[in-house]
Amino acid sequence: MSTTTRRLAFQRQPHLVDGSGSVGVWLTQPAGMLVQLLRETVTTGDIARFISHDAYQRLVGVMRPDERAFFLYDMALMVRYESEARVILTQWGLNVRDRIEHIVIRPPPEMNKLGRMGIQTIAAAMSLARVPIDIVDDLEPFLRARNLRPRLGAG
């Protein structure tokens, strides 16, 4: 794995970073979280648990009880998507679907067929559960259209 990194999603540092330093999470206003891979990363079960538990609990802690959230994933630096991670994230998404306003995923530009199928599996499950989901090449237009910005005082 090379040491490819990319520009951070926002100008400020993430509110949370996983133990490996591979995943950054910003809590946003309006309510949401933007998950960005900070370097080339294999998306493992541990990473999925960090997103679905640690990051989500932090988000819920700043949300109103009836509020729905945006979930944005910049996975451009994902080199592989383990099936355990796909199962964890899909099940979590279905479990919390009533709290989801919209999901937006930016997959790796040159992702292999198996990884792309993993993302499409999540997208299909969320669509069947009537959760709005988009797969995009760039998150910026969505961030601007919804005025999503880092939440102050959340980190």
C-alpha atoms as a PDB file:
ATOM      1  CA  MET A   1       0.000   0.000   0.000  1.00  0.00           C
ATOM      2  CA  SER A   2       1.428   3.392  -0.912  1.00  0.00           C
ATOM      3  CA  THR A   3       1.171   6.422   1.332  1.00  0.00           C
ATOM      4  CA  THR A   4      -1.329   8.306  -0.798  1.00  0.00           C
ATOM      5  CA  THR A   5      -3.259  10.929   1.126  1.00  0.00           C
ATOM      6  CA  ARG A   6      -5.755  13.552   0.054  1.00  0.00           C
ATOM      7  CA  ARG A   7      -6.974  16.980   1.006  1.00  0.00           C
ATOM      8  CA  LEU A   8      -9.195  16.980   4.057  1.00  0.00           C
ATOM      9  CA  ALA A   9     -12.939  17.304   3.459  1.00  0.00           C
ATOM     10  CA  PHE A  10     -13.016  20.465   5.607  1.00  0.00           C
ATOM     11  CA  GLN A  11     -10.325  22.974   6.558  1.00  0.00           C
ATOM     12  CA  ARG A  12     -10.483  22.026  10.234  1.00  0.00           C
ATOM     13  CA  GLN A  13      -9.229  18.753  11.682  1.00  0.00           C
ATOM     14  CA  PRO A  14     -11.735  15.880  12.076  1.00  0.00           C
ATOM     15  CA  HIS A  15     -13.730  15.632  15.304  1.00  0.00           C
ATOM     16  CA  LEU A  16     -12.758  11.947  15.550  1.00  0.00           C
ATOM     17  CA  VAL A  17      -9.975   9.790  14.088  1.00  0.00           C
ATOM     18  CA  ASP A  18      -9.862   6.016  14.430  1.00  0.00           C
ATOM     19  CA  GLY A  19      -6.975   4.329  16.261  1.00  0.00           C
ATOM     20  CA  SER A  20      -5.097   3.567  13.032  1.00  0.00           C
ATOM     21  CA  GLY A  21      -5.256   7.180  11.840  1.00  0.00           C
ATOM     22  CA  SER A  22      -6.929   6.008   8.620  1.00  0.00           C
ATOM     23  CA  VAL A  23     -10.454   7.377   9.130  1.00  0.00           C
ATOM     24  CA  GLY A  24     -11.478  10.933   9.975  1.00  0.00           C
ATOM     25  CA  VAL A  25     -15.016  11.899  10.974  1.00  0.00           C
ATOM     26  CA  TRP A  26     -16.472  15.391  11.031  1.00  0.00           C
ATOM     27  CA  LEU A  27     -19.802  16.039  12.712  1.00  0.00           C
ATOM     28  CA  THR A  28     -21.766  18.521  10.647  1.00  0.00           C
ATOM     29  CA  GLN A  29     -24.378  21.195  10.959  1.00  0.00           C
ATOM     30  CA  PRO A  30     -27.099  20.557   9.801  1.00  0.00           C
ATOM     31  CA  ALA A  31     -26.910  17.211  11.615  1.00  0.00           C
ATOM     32  CA  GLY A  32     -24.707  14.671   9.973  1.00  0.00           C
ATOM     33  CA  MET A  33     -21.315  13.103   9.765  1.00  0.00           C
ATOM     34  CA  LEU A  34     -18.768  13.065   7.014  1.00  0.00           C
ATOM     35  CA  VAL A  35     -16.455  10.052   7.057  1.00  0.00           C
ATOM     36  CA  GLN A  36     -13.259  10.364   5.032  1.00  0.00           C
ATOM     37  CA  LEU A  37     -10.469   7.878   4.510  1.00  0.00           C
ATOM     38  CA  LEU A  38      -7.319   9.875   5.233  1.00  0.00           C
ATOM     39  CA  ARG A  39      -4.943   7.491   3.449  1.00  0.00           C
ATOM     40  CA  GLU A  40      -5.133   4.338   1.358  1.00  0.00           C
ATOM     41  CA  THR A  41      -7.105   1.971   3.538  1.00  0.00           C
ATOM     42  CA  VAL A  42      -8.645  -1.478   3.612  1.00  0.00           C
ATOM     43  CA  THR A  43     -12.141  -1.019   5.023  1.00  0.00           C
ATOM     44  CA  THR A  44     -12.233  -3.701   7.720  1.00  0.00           C
ATOM     45  CA  GLY A  45     -14.719  -4.776  10.356  1.00  0.00           C
ATOM     46  CA  ASP A  46     -12.825  -2.638  12.891  1.00  0.00           C
ATOM     47  CA  ILE A  47     -13.254   0.448  10.731  1.00  0.00           C
ATOM     48  CA  ALA A  48     -16.937  -0.352  10.204  1.00  0.00           C
ATOM     49  CA  ARG A  49     -17.407  -0.695  13.976  1.00  0.00           C
ATOM     50  CA  PHE A  50     -15.635   2.647  14.538  1.00  0.00           C
ATOM     51  CA  ILE A  51     -18.028   4.334  12.079  1.00  0.00           C
ATOM     52  CA  SER A  52     -21.211   2.575  13.207  1.00  0.00           C
ATOM     53  CA  HIS A  53     -20.556   2.778  16.928  1.00  0.00           C
ATOM     54  CA  ASP A  54     -17.984   5.368  18.029  1.00  0.00           C
ATOM     55  CA  ALA A  55     -18.724   8.007  15.393  1.00  0.00           C
ATOM     56  CA  TYR A  56     -22.470   7.403  15.370  1.00  0.00           C
ATOM     57  CA  GLN A  57     -22.751   7.638  19.164  1.00  0.00           C
ATOM     58  CA  ARG A  58     -20.865  10.940  19.057  1.00  0.00           C
ATOM     59  CA  LEU A  59     -23.302  12.206  16.400  1.00  0.00           C
ATOM     60  CA  VAL A  60     -26.382  11.073  18.333  1.00  0.00           C
ATOM     61  CA  GLY A  61     -25.006  12.900  21.362  1.00  0.00           C
ATOM     62  CA  VAL A  62     -25.361  16.257  19.569  1.00  0.00           C
ATOM     63  CA  MET A  63     -28.647  15.576  17.740  1.00  0.00           C
ATOM     64  CA  ARG A  64     -32.179  16.377  18.835  1.00  0.00           C
ATOM     65  CA  PRO A  65     -34.242  13.199  19.486  1.00  0.00           C
ATOM     66  CA  ASP A  66     -36.417  13.675  16.372  1.00  0.00           C
ATOM     67  CA  GLU A  67     -33.632  14.929  14.083  1.00  0.00           C
ATOM     68  CA  ARG A  68     -32.475  13.066  10.981  1.00  0.00           C
ATOM     69  CA  ALA A  69     -28.873  13.191   9.792  1.00  0.00           C
ATOM     70  CA  PHE A  70     -26.828  13.253   6.611  1.00  0.00           C
ATOM     71  CA  PHE A  71     -24.237  10.495   6.241  1.00  0.00           C
ATOM     72  CA  LEU A  72     -21.458  11.252   3.761  1.00  0.00           C
ATOM     73  CA  TYR A  73     -18.623   8.865   2.963  1.00  0.00           C
ATOM     74  CA  ASP A  74     -15.493   9.884   1.062  1.00  0.00           C
ATOM     75  CA  MET A  75     -14.062   6.459   0.305  1.00  0.00           C
ATOM     76  CA  ALA A  76     -11.792   7.601  -2.545  1.00  0.00           C
ATOM     77  CA  LEU A  77      -8.745   6.040  -0.871  1.00  0.00           C
ATOM     78  CA  MET A  78     -10.341   2.639  -0.169  1.00  0.00           C
ATOM     79  CA  VAL A  79      -8.191  -0.123  -1.632  1.00  0.00           C
ATOM     80  CA  ARG A  80     -10.373  -3.031  -0.527  1.00  0.00           C
ATOM     81  CA  TYR A  81     -13.757  -3.469   1.125  1.00  0.00           C
ATOM     82  CA  GLU A  82     -13.920  -6.536   3.370  1.00  0.00           C
ATOM     83  CA  SER A  83     -17.217  -8.404   3.458  1.00  0.00           C
ATOM     84  CA  GLU A  84     -17.389  -8.133   7.275  1.00  0.00           C
ATOM     85  CA  ALA A  85     -17.338  -4.336   6.949  1.00  0.00           C
ATOM     86  CA  ARG A  86     -20.073  -4.412   4.301  1.00  0.00           C
ATOM     87  CA  VAL A  87     -22.303  -6.569   6.537  1.00  0.00           C
ATOM     88  CA  ILE A  88     -21.737  -4.365   9.609  1.00  0.00           C
ATOM     89  CA  LEU A  89     -22.403  -1.105   7.747  1.00  0.00           C
ATOM     90  CA  THR A  90     -25.446  -2.436   5.895  1.00  0.00           C
ATOM     91  CA  GLN A  91     -27.045  -3.834   9.060  1.00  0.00           C
ATOM     92  CA  TRP A  92     -26.293  -0.649  10.993  1.00  0.00           C
ATOM     93  CA  GLY A  93     -27.768   1.494   8.219  1.00  0.00           C
ATOM     94  CA  LEU A  94     -30.957  -0.551   8.229  1.00  0.00           C
ATOM     95  CA  ASN A  95     -31.153  -0.378  12.031  1.00  0.00           C
ATOM     96  CA  VAL A  96     -30.866   3.423  12.108  1.00  0.00           C
ATOM     97  CA  ARG A  97     -32.730   4.209   8.862  1.00  0.00           C
ATOM     98  CA  ASP A  98     -35.314   6.317  10.695  1.00  0.00           C
ATOM     99  CA  ARG A  99     -32.474   8.694  11.698  1.00  0.00           C
ATOM    100  CA  ILE A 100     -31.095   9.022   8.143  1.00  0.00           C
ATOM    101  CA  GLU A 101     -31.946  12.051   6.024  1.00  0.00           C
ATOM    102  CA  HIS A 102     -29.664  11.099   3.119  1.00  0.00           C
ATOM    103  CA  ILE A 103     -26.566   8.967   2.409  1.00  0.00           C
ATOM    104  CA  VAL A 104     -23.936  10.066  -0.100  1.00  0.00           C
ATOM    105  CA  ILE A 105     -20.974   7.848  -1.007  1.00  0.00           C
ATOM    106  CA  ARG A 106     -17.907   8.769  -3.010  1.00  0.00           C
ATOM    107  CA  PRO A 107     -16.282   5.463  -4.000  1.00  0.00           C
ATOM    108  CA  PRO A 108     -12.701   5.086  -5.191  1.00  0.00           C
ATOM    109  CA  PRO A 109     -12.415   6.277  -8.788  1.00  0.00           C
ATOM    110  CA  GLU A 110     -10.759   3.045  -9.948  1.00  0.00           C
ATOM    111  CA  MET A 111     -12.377   0.553  -7.614  1.00  0.00           C
ATOM    112  CA  ASN A 112     -12.310  -3.099  -8.577  1.00  0.00           C
ATOM    113  CA  LYS A 113     -15.512  -4.884  -9.545  1.00  0.00           C
ATOM    114  CA  LEU A 114     -15.876  -6.707  -6.202  1.00  0.00           C
ATOM    115  CA  GLY A 115     -15.527  -3.515  -4.142  1.00  0.00           C
ATOM    116  CA  ARG A 116     -17.992  -1.685  -6.381  1.00  0.00           C
ATOM    117  CA  MET A 117     -20.461  -4.553  -5.905  1.00  0.00           C
ATOM    118  CA  GLY A 118     -20.085  -4.168  -2.124  1.00  0.00           C
ATOM    119  CA  ILE A 119     -21.021  -0.497  -2.299  1.00  0.00           C
ATOM    120  CA  GLN A 120     -23.893  -1.279  -4.673  1.00  0.00           C
ATOM    121  CA  THR A 121     -25.163  -3.906  -2.199  1.00  0.00           C
ATOM    122  CA  ILE A 122     -25.402  -1.270   0.533  1.00  0.00           C
ATOM    123  CA  ALA A 123     -27.033   1.161  -1.898  1.00  0.00           C
ATOM    124  CA  ALA A 124     -29.625  -1.441  -2.922  1.00  0.00           C
ATOM    125  CA  ALA A 125     -30.455  -2.334   0.690  1.00  0.00           C
ATOM    126  CA  MET A 126     -30.857   1.330   1.641  1.00  0.00           C
ATOM    127  CA  SER A 127     -32.982   2.059  -1.437  1.00  0.00           C
ATOM    128  CA  LEU A 128     -35.292  -0.843  -0.606  1.00  0.00           C
ATOM    129  CA  ALA A 129     -35.612   0.605   2.908  1.00  0.00           C
ATOM    130  CA  ARG A 130     -36.582   3.931   1.264  1.00  0.00           C
ATOM    131  CA  VAL A 131     -33.429   5.715   2.434  1.00  0.00           C
ATOM    132  CA  PRO A 132     -32.220   8.321  -0.084  1.00  0.00           C
ATOM    133  CA  ILE A 133     -28.736   7.340  -1.260  1.00  0.00           C
ATOM    134  CA  ASP A 134     -26.468   8.697  -3.961  1.00  0.00           C
ATOM    135  CA  ILE A 135     -23.132   7.505  -5.280  1.00  0.00           C
ATOM    136  CA  VAL A 136     -21.142  10.483  -6.564  1.00  0.00           C
ATOM    137  CA  ASP A 137     -17.716  11.405  -7.938  1.00  0.00           C
ATOM    138  CA  ASP A 138     -17.482  14.532  -5.765  1.00  0.00           C
ATOM    139  CA  LEU A 139     -19.065  15.389  -2.392  1.00  0.00           C
ATOM    140  CA  GLU A 140     -18.564  19.156  -2.746  1.00  0.00           C
ATOM    141  CA  PRO A 141     -21.771  19.924  -4.701  1.00  0.00           C
ATOM    142  CA  PHE A 142     -23.870  18.069  -2.095  1.00  0.00           C
ATOM    143  CA  LEU A 143     -22.073  19.807   0.800  1.00  0.00           C
ATOM    144  CA  ARG A 144     -22.725  23.208  -0.795  1.00  0.00           C
ATOM    145  CA  ALA A 145     -26.343  22.471  -1.752  1.00  0.00           C
ATOM    146  CA  ARG A 146     -27.194  21.412   1.819  1.00  0.00           C
ATOM    147  CA  ASN A 147     -24.894  23.968   3.472  1.00  0.00           C
ATOM    148  CA  LEU A 148     -23.181  21.182   5.429  1.00  0.00           C
ATOM    149  CA  ARG A 149     -20.254  22.435   7.476  1.00  0.00           C
ATOM    150  CA  PRO A 150     -18.255  21.212  10.482  1.00  0.00           C
ATOM    151  CA  ARG A 151     -20.154  21.483  13.740  1.00  0.00           C
ATOM    152  CA  LEU A 152     -18.445  23.872  16.134  1.00  0.00           C
ATOM    153  CA  GLY A 153     -17.704  22.676  19.632  1.00  0.00           C
ATOM    154  CA  ALA A 154     -18.323  18.997  18.820  1.00  0.00           C
ATOM    155  CA  GLY A 155     -14.750  17.830  18.963  1.00  0.00           C
END
